[in-house]
Amino acid sequence: MDKNTASMRTAASKVRHLGSARSGTQHAWRMRVTSFALLPLSVAFIWIVLSLVGKDYATVRATLGSPFVAIVMLLFVPTSVYHMMLGMQTIIEDYVHGEHAKTWSLLANMFFCAVVGLATVYAILRLSFM
């Protein structure tokens, strides 16, 4: 067939999913939802941390072991780590140009976020149940 023949696809069908990966809208939506969720969680997290400045070890441990504080921390940490992963994914996809480097960078990003998230959740749960 000739390369110059007209396509049978309509203009609407060419742009229907908006993007080659078809996930740009979902990624942006997740970034906005996590940032919206982080607004009150960050305020609560900062308030908890500032209230513990200058306290002794037993008080800090008792405060961090309380159910309300543990729930706030367990909501804050995974949300912020997931938001961080999405943000770094966007930066990597935009500024790393080699395909191998991009793939390895994305894998390293996911691994790093998983390790940070799991270690922090483990620490919070350990404080809560001891």
N, C-alpha and C. Protein backbone atom coordinates (compact mmCIF):
# COMPACT_ATOMS: atom_id res chain seq x y z
N MET A 1 0.82 -1.18 0.00
CA MET A 1 0.00 0.00 0.00
C MET A 1 0.86 1.24 0.00
N ASP A 2 0.32 2.26 -0.53
CA ASP A 2 1.01 3.54 -0.60
C ASP A 2 0.97 4.23 0.76
N LYS A 3 2.08 4.85 1.13
CA LYS A 3 2.15 5.53 2.42
C LYS A 3 1.31 6.79 2.45
N ASN A 4 0.97 7.33 1.33
CA ASN A 4 0.24 8.59 1.28
C ASN A 4 -1.27 8.41 1.26
N THR A 5 -1.75 7.20 1.40
CA THR A 5 -3.21 7.01 1.38
C THR A 5 -3.83 7.58 2.64
N ALA A 6 -5.03 8.01 2.50
CA ALA A 6 -5.74 8.63 3.62
C ALA A 6 -6.11 7.56 4.64
N SER A 7 -6.08 7.94 5.88
CA SER A 7 -6.43 7.02 6.96
C SER A 7 -7.94 6.93 7.07
N MET A 8 -8.40 5.75 7.47
CA MET A 8 -9.84 5.55 7.65
C MET A 8 -10.30 6.02 9.03
N ARG A 9 -9.36 6.35 9.90
CA ARG A 9 -9.69 6.78 11.26
C ARG A 9 -10.12 8.24 11.27
N THR A 10 -11.10 8.53 12.10
CA THR A 10 -11.55 9.91 12.24
C THR A 10 -10.63 10.65 13.21
N ALA A 11 -10.73 11.97 13.21
CA ALA A 11 -9.90 12.77 14.10
C ALA A 11 -10.21 12.46 15.56
N ALA A 12 -11.48 12.22 15.88
CA ALA A 12 -11.86 11.90 17.26
C ALA A 12 -11.25 10.58 17.73
N SER A 13 -11.20 9.60 16.84
CA SER A 13 -10.65 8.31 17.25
C SER A 13 -9.15 8.38 17.45
N LYS A 14 -8.48 9.33 16.80
CA LYS A 14 -7.03 9.47 16.96
C LYS A 14 -6.67 10.06 18.31
N VAL A 15 -7.53 10.84 18.91
CA VAL A 15 -7.22 11.50 20.18
C VAL A 15 -8.08 11.00 21.33
N ARG A 16 -8.81 9.94 21.12
CA ARG A 16 -9.76 9.47 22.11
C ARG A 16 -9.13 9.20 23.48
N HIS A 17 -7.99 8.54 23.52
CA HIS A 17 -7.40 8.17 24.81
C HIS A 17 -6.30 9.13 25.26
N LEU A 18 -6.01 10.15 24.49
CA LEU A 18 -5.09 11.22 24.88
C LEU A 18 -3.76 10.72 25.42
N GLY A 19 -2.93 10.24 24.55
CA GLY A 19 -1.59 9.85 24.96
C GLY A 19 -1.27 8.42 24.58
N SER A 20 0.01 8.17 24.37
CA SER A 20 0.40 6.83 23.94
C SER A 20 0.27 5.81 25.07
N ALA A 21 0.51 6.23 26.29
CA ALA A 21 0.41 5.30 27.42
C ALA A 21 -1.02 5.19 27.94
N ARG A 22 -1.84 6.15 27.61
CA ARG A 22 -3.25 6.18 28.01
C ARG A 22 -3.43 6.20 29.53
N SER A 23 -2.44 6.77 30.24
CA SER A 23 -2.55 6.81 31.68
C SER A 23 -2.23 8.19 32.25
N GLY A 24 -2.07 9.18 31.41
CA GLY A 24 -1.70 10.51 31.87
C GLY A 24 -2.75 11.14 32.77
N THR A 25 -4.00 10.97 32.41
CA THR A 25 -5.07 11.55 33.22
C THR A 25 -5.15 10.86 34.58
N GLN A 26 -5.02 9.56 34.58
CA GLN A 26 -5.06 8.81 35.84
C GLN A 26 -3.90 9.20 36.75
N HIS A 27 -2.73 9.38 36.19
CA HIS A 27 -1.55 9.77 36.97
C HIS A 27 -1.77 11.16 37.58
N ALA A 28 -2.24 12.09 36.79
CA ALA A 28 -2.48 13.45 37.29
C ALA A 28 -3.58 13.45 38.35
N TRP A 29 -4.59 12.64 38.15
CA TRP A 29 -5.68 12.55 39.13
C TRP A 29 -5.16 12.02 40.46
N ARG A 30 -4.31 10.99 40.41
CA ARG A 30 -3.74 10.43 41.64
C ARG A 30 -2.85 11.43 42.35
N MET A 31 -2.11 12.22 41.60
CA MET A 31 -1.27 13.26 42.21
C MET A 31 -2.13 14.27 42.95
N ARG A 32 -3.23 14.67 42.35
CA ARG A 32 -4.09 15.68 42.97
C ARG A 32 -4.83 15.12 44.19
N VAL A 33 -5.27 13.88 44.10
CA VAL A 33 -5.97 13.27 45.24
C VAL A 33 -5.02 13.10 46.43
N THR A 34 -3.80 12.62 46.18
CA THR A 34 -2.86 12.46 47.28
C THR A 34 -2.43 13.81 47.85
N SER A 35 -2.28 14.82 47.00
CA SER A 35 -1.90 16.13 47.54
C SER A 35 -3.03 16.72 48.36
N PHE A 36 -4.26 16.51 47.94
CA PHE A 36 -5.41 16.98 48.72
C PHE A 36 -5.49 16.24 50.06
N ALA A 37 -5.24 14.95 50.05
CA ALA A 37 -5.26 14.16 51.29
C ALA A 37 -4.12 14.55 52.22
N LEU A 38 -3.00 14.98 51.64
CA LEU A 38 -1.84 15.34 52.46
C LEU A 38 -2.01 16.69 53.16
N LEU A 39 -2.92 17.51 52.73
CA LEU A 39 -3.10 18.81 53.39
C LEU A 39 -3.44 18.65 54.88
N PRO A 40 -4.53 17.98 55.24
CA PRO A 40 -4.80 17.85 56.68
C PRO A 40 -3.83 16.89 57.37
N LEU A 41 -3.38 15.86 56.65
CA LEU A 41 -2.45 14.91 57.26
C LEU A 41 -1.11 15.56 57.59
N SER A 42 -0.64 16.45 56.73
CA SER A 42 0.62 17.14 56.99
C SER A 42 0.50 18.09 58.18
N VAL A 43 -0.63 18.77 58.27
CA VAL A 43 -0.85 19.66 59.42
C VAL A 43 -0.85 18.85 60.71
N ALA A 44 -1.54 17.72 60.71
CA ALA A 44 -1.59 16.87 61.90
C ALA A 44 -0.20 16.31 62.22
N PHE A 45 0.53 15.89 61.20
CA PHE A 45 1.88 15.35 61.40
C PHE A 45 2.80 16.40 62.01
N ILE A 46 2.78 17.60 61.45
CA ILE A 46 3.63 18.69 61.97
C ILE A 46 3.23 19.03 63.40
N TRP A 47 1.94 19.06 63.68
CA TRP A 47 1.47 19.36 65.03
C TRP A 47 1.96 18.30 66.02
N ILE A 48 1.90 17.04 65.63
CA ILE A 48 2.36 15.96 66.51
C ILE A 48 3.86 16.09 66.76
N VAL A 49 4.63 16.30 65.71
CA VAL A 49 6.08 16.39 65.85
C VAL A 49 6.46 17.60 66.70
N LEU A 50 5.83 18.75 66.45
CA LEU A 50 6.16 19.94 67.25
C LEU A 50 5.75 19.79 68.70
N SER A 51 4.68 19.04 68.96
CA SER A 51 4.27 18.84 70.36
C SER A 51 5.24 17.93 71.10
N LEU A 52 6.07 17.18 70.39
CA LEU A 52 7.01 16.26 71.02
C LEU A 52 8.41 16.85 71.20
N VAL A 53 8.63 18.06 70.68
CA VAL A 53 9.96 18.67 70.81
C VAL A 53 10.25 18.96 72.28
N GLY A 54 11.39 18.49 72.74
CA GLY A 54 11.82 18.73 74.12
C GLY A 54 11.27 17.75 75.14
N LYS A 55 10.46 16.80 74.73
CA LYS A 55 9.90 15.80 75.66
C LYS A 55 10.89 14.67 75.88
N ASP A 56 10.73 13.96 76.98
CA ASP A 56 11.61 12.83 77.25
C ASP A 56 11.16 11.60 76.44
N TYR A 57 12.02 10.58 76.44
CA TYR A 57 11.80 9.39 75.62
C TYR A 57 10.49 8.68 75.95
N ALA A 58 10.17 8.55 77.21
CA ALA A 58 8.96 7.84 77.63
C ALA A 58 7.71 8.56 77.14
N THR A 59 7.70 9.88 77.22
CA THR A 59 6.56 10.65 76.75
C THR A 59 6.39 10.53 75.24
N VAL A 60 7.50 10.62 74.53
CA VAL A 60 7.45 10.49 73.06
C VAL A 60 6.94 9.12 72.67
N ARG A 61 7.44 8.10 73.32
CA ARG A 61 7.02 6.73 73.00
C ARG A 61 5.54 6.52 73.33
N ALA A 62 5.08 7.06 74.46
CA ALA A 62 3.67 6.94 74.84
C ALA A 62 2.78 7.69 73.86
N THR A 63 3.21 8.86 73.43
CA THR A 63 2.42 9.65 72.48
C THR A 63 2.34 8.96 71.13
N LEU A 64 3.47 8.50 70.64
CA LEU A 64 3.48 7.83 69.34
C LEU A 64 2.78 6.48 69.39
N GLY A 65 2.62 5.92 70.58
CA GLY A 65 1.93 4.64 70.73
C GLY A 65 0.43 4.77 70.89
N SER A 66 -0.07 5.99 71.02
CA SER A 66 -1.52 6.15 71.17
C SER A 66 -2.23 5.86 69.85
N PRO A 67 -3.45 5.32 69.90
CA PRO A 67 -4.14 4.92 68.67
C PRO A 67 -4.39 6.07 67.69
N PHE A 68 -4.80 7.23 68.17
CA PHE A 68 -5.09 8.35 67.26
C PHE A 68 -3.83 8.77 66.51
N VAL A 69 -2.74 8.92 67.23
CA VAL A 69 -1.48 9.34 66.61
C VAL A 69 -1.00 8.27 65.64
N ALA A 70 -1.13 7.01 66.02
CA ALA A 70 -0.70 5.92 65.13
C ALA A 70 -1.53 5.92 63.84
N ILE A 71 -2.82 6.15 63.95
CA ILE A 71 -3.67 6.18 62.75
C ILE A 71 -3.30 7.35 61.85
N VAL A 72 -3.06 8.51 62.45
CA VAL A 72 -2.65 9.67 61.64
C VAL A 72 -1.33 9.38 60.93
N MET A 73 -0.39 8.80 61.65
CA MET A 73 0.91 8.47 61.05
C MET A 73 0.76 7.41 59.96
N LEU A 74 -0.09 6.40 60.22
CA LEU A 74 -0.28 5.34 59.22
C LEU A 74 -1.04 5.84 57.99
N LEU A 75 -1.77 6.90 58.11
CA LEU A 75 -2.39 7.52 56.94
C LEU A 75 -1.40 8.45 56.22
N PHE A 76 -0.60 9.17 56.99
CA PHE A 76 0.33 10.14 56.43
C PHE A 76 1.45 9.47 55.65
N VAL A 77 2.08 8.46 56.23
CA VAL A 77 3.27 7.87 55.63
C VAL A 77 2.99 7.23 54.26
N PRO A 78 2.05 6.30 54.12
CA PRO A 78 1.84 5.72 52.78
C PRO A 78 1.36 6.75 51.76
N THR A 79 0.55 7.70 52.18
CA THR A 79 0.07 8.71 51.25
C THR A 79 1.22 9.57 50.76
N SER A 80 2.08 10.00 51.67
CA SER A 80 3.20 10.84 51.26
C SER A 80 4.24 10.07 50.43
N VAL A 81 4.47 8.81 50.78
CA VAL A 81 5.42 8.01 50.01
C VAL A 81 4.87 7.75 48.60
N TYR A 82 3.58 7.47 48.49
CA TYR A 82 2.98 7.26 47.17
C TYR A 82 3.02 8.55 46.35
N HIS A 83 2.74 9.68 46.99
CA HIS A 83 2.81 10.96 46.30
C HIS A 83 4.24 11.25 45.84
N MET A 84 5.22 10.92 46.69
CA MET A 84 6.62 11.09 46.33
C MET A 84 6.98 10.21 45.13
N MET A 85 6.50 8.97 45.14
CA MET A 85 6.79 8.06 44.03
C MET A 85 6.21 8.59 42.72
N LEU A 86 4.98 9.09 42.77
CA LEU A 86 4.36 9.63 41.56
C LEU A 86 5.10 10.86 41.05
N GLY A 87 5.51 11.73 41.96
CA GLY A 87 6.25 12.92 41.56
C GLY A 87 7.59 12.58 40.93
N MET A 88 8.33 11.65 41.54
CA MET A 88 9.61 11.24 40.97
C MET A 88 9.43 10.51 39.64
N GLN A 89 8.34 9.78 39.51
CA GLN A 89 8.06 9.10 38.25
C GLN A 89 7.88 10.13 37.14
N THR A 90 7.17 11.20 37.42
CA THR A 90 6.98 12.26 36.43
C THR A 90 8.30 12.89 36.04
N ILE A 91 9.14 13.17 37.03
CA ILE A 91 10.44 13.78 36.75
C ILE A 91 11.30 12.84 35.91
N ILE A 92 11.33 11.56 36.28
CA ILE A 92 12.13 10.58 35.53
C ILE A 92 11.63 10.47 34.09
N GLU A 93 10.32 10.38 33.92
CA GLU A 93 9.77 10.24 32.57
C GLU A 93 10.03 11.47 31.72
N ASP A 94 10.08 12.64 32.34
CA ASP A 94 10.29 13.87 31.58
C ASP A 94 11.76 14.14 31.27
N TYR A 95 12.67 13.79 32.17
CA TYR A 95 14.05 14.24 32.03
C TYR A 95 15.08 13.15 31.80
N VAL A 96 14.74 11.89 31.94
CA VAL A 96 15.68 10.81 31.62
C VAL A 96 15.32 10.33 30.22
N HIS A 97 16.28 10.44 29.30
CA HIS A 97 15.95 10.21 27.90
C HIS A 97 16.31 8.82 27.38
N GLY A 98 17.30 8.17 27.91
CA GLY A 98 17.64 6.82 27.46
C GLY A 98 16.62 5.81 28.00
N GLU A 99 16.20 4.89 27.15
CA GLU A 99 15.18 3.92 27.57
C GLU A 99 15.65 3.02 28.70
N HIS A 100 16.89 2.54 28.64
CA HIS A 100 17.40 1.68 29.71
C HIS A 100 17.54 2.46 31.01
N ALA A 101 18.07 3.66 30.91
CA ALA A 101 18.23 4.49 32.12
C ALA A 101 16.88 4.84 32.70
N LYS A 102 15.91 5.10 31.85
CA LYS A 102 14.56 5.44 32.32
C LYS A 102 13.94 4.24 33.03
N THR A 103 14.05 3.07 32.44
CA THR A 103 13.49 1.86 33.04
C THR A 103 14.12 1.57 34.39
N TRP A 104 15.45 1.62 34.46
CA TRP A 104 16.13 1.35 35.72
C TRP A 104 15.85 2.42 36.77
N SER A 105 15.72 3.66 36.33
CA SER A 105 15.40 4.74 37.27
C SER A 105 14.00 4.56 37.84
N LEU A 106 13.06 4.17 37.00
CA LEU A 106 11.69 3.95 37.48
C LEU A 106 11.64 2.77 38.45
N LEU A 107 12.39 1.71 38.16
CA LEU A 107 12.46 0.57 39.07
C LEU A 107 13.11 0.96 40.40
N ALA A 108 14.18 1.73 40.34
CA ALA A 108 14.84 2.18 41.56
C ALA A 108 13.91 3.08 42.38
N ASN A 109 13.15 3.92 41.70
CA ASN A 109 12.19 4.79 42.38
C ASN A 109 11.14 3.97 43.13
N MET A 110 10.58 2.97 42.46
CA MET A 110 9.57 2.12 43.10
C MET A 110 10.17 1.35 44.27
N PHE A 111 11.37 0.81 44.08
CA PHE A 111 12.02 0.05 45.15
C PHE A 111 12.31 0.94 46.35
N PHE A 112 12.87 2.12 46.11
CA PHE A 112 13.19 3.04 47.20
C PHE A 112 11.94 3.43 47.97
N CYS A 113 10.88 3.77 47.26
CA CYS A 113 9.63 4.17 47.93
C CYS A 113 9.03 3.01 48.71
N ALA A 114 9.10 1.80 48.17
CA ALA A 114 8.58 0.64 48.88
C ALA A 114 9.37 0.39 50.17
N VAL A 115 10.70 0.49 50.10
CA VAL A 115 11.53 0.27 51.29
C VAL A 115 11.26 1.33 52.34
N VAL A 116 11.21 2.60 51.93
CA VAL A 116 10.96 3.68 52.88
C VAL A 116 9.58 3.52 53.51
N GLY A 117 8.57 3.23 52.69
CA GLY A 117 7.21 3.08 53.20
C GLY A 117 7.07 1.91 54.15
N LEU A 118 7.60 0.76 53.77
CA LEU A 118 7.49 -0.42 54.63
C LEU A 118 8.26 -0.25 55.94
N ALA A 119 9.45 0.33 55.87
CA ALA A 119 10.23 0.53 57.09
C ALA A 119 9.53 1.49 58.05
N THR A 120 8.95 2.53 57.51
CA THR A 120 8.27 3.51 58.36
C THR A 120 6.99 2.93 58.95
N VAL A 121 6.23 2.21 58.15
CA VAL A 121 5.01 1.58 58.66
C VAL A 121 5.36 0.55 59.73
N TYR A 122 6.42 -0.21 59.51
CA TYR A 122 6.87 -1.17 60.52
C TYR A 122 7.22 -0.47 61.83
N ALA A 123 7.94 0.64 61.73
CA ALA A 123 8.33 1.37 62.95
C ALA A 123 7.10 1.90 63.69
N ILE A 124 6.14 2.41 62.95
CA ILE A 124 4.92 2.93 63.59
C ILE A 124 4.15 1.80 64.26
N LEU A 125 4.00 0.68 63.57
CA LEU A 125 3.27 -0.45 64.15
C LEU A 125 4.00 -1.01 65.37
N ARG A 126 5.29 -1.05 65.30
CA ARG A 126 6.07 -1.55 66.43
C ARG A 126 5.89 -0.65 67.65
N LEU A 127 5.89 0.66 67.44
CA LEU A 127 5.67 1.59 68.55
C LEU A 127 4.25 1.48 69.09
N SER A 128 3.31 1.22 68.20
CA SER A 128 1.91 1.18 68.61
C SER A 128 1.58 -0.06 69.43
N PHE A 129 2.22 -1.17 69.13
CA PHE A 129 1.87 -2.42 69.79
C PHE A 129 2.84 -2.82 70.89
N MET A 130 3.77 -1.96 71.25
CA MET A 130 4.69 -2.30 72.34
C MET A 130 4.33 -1.56 73.59
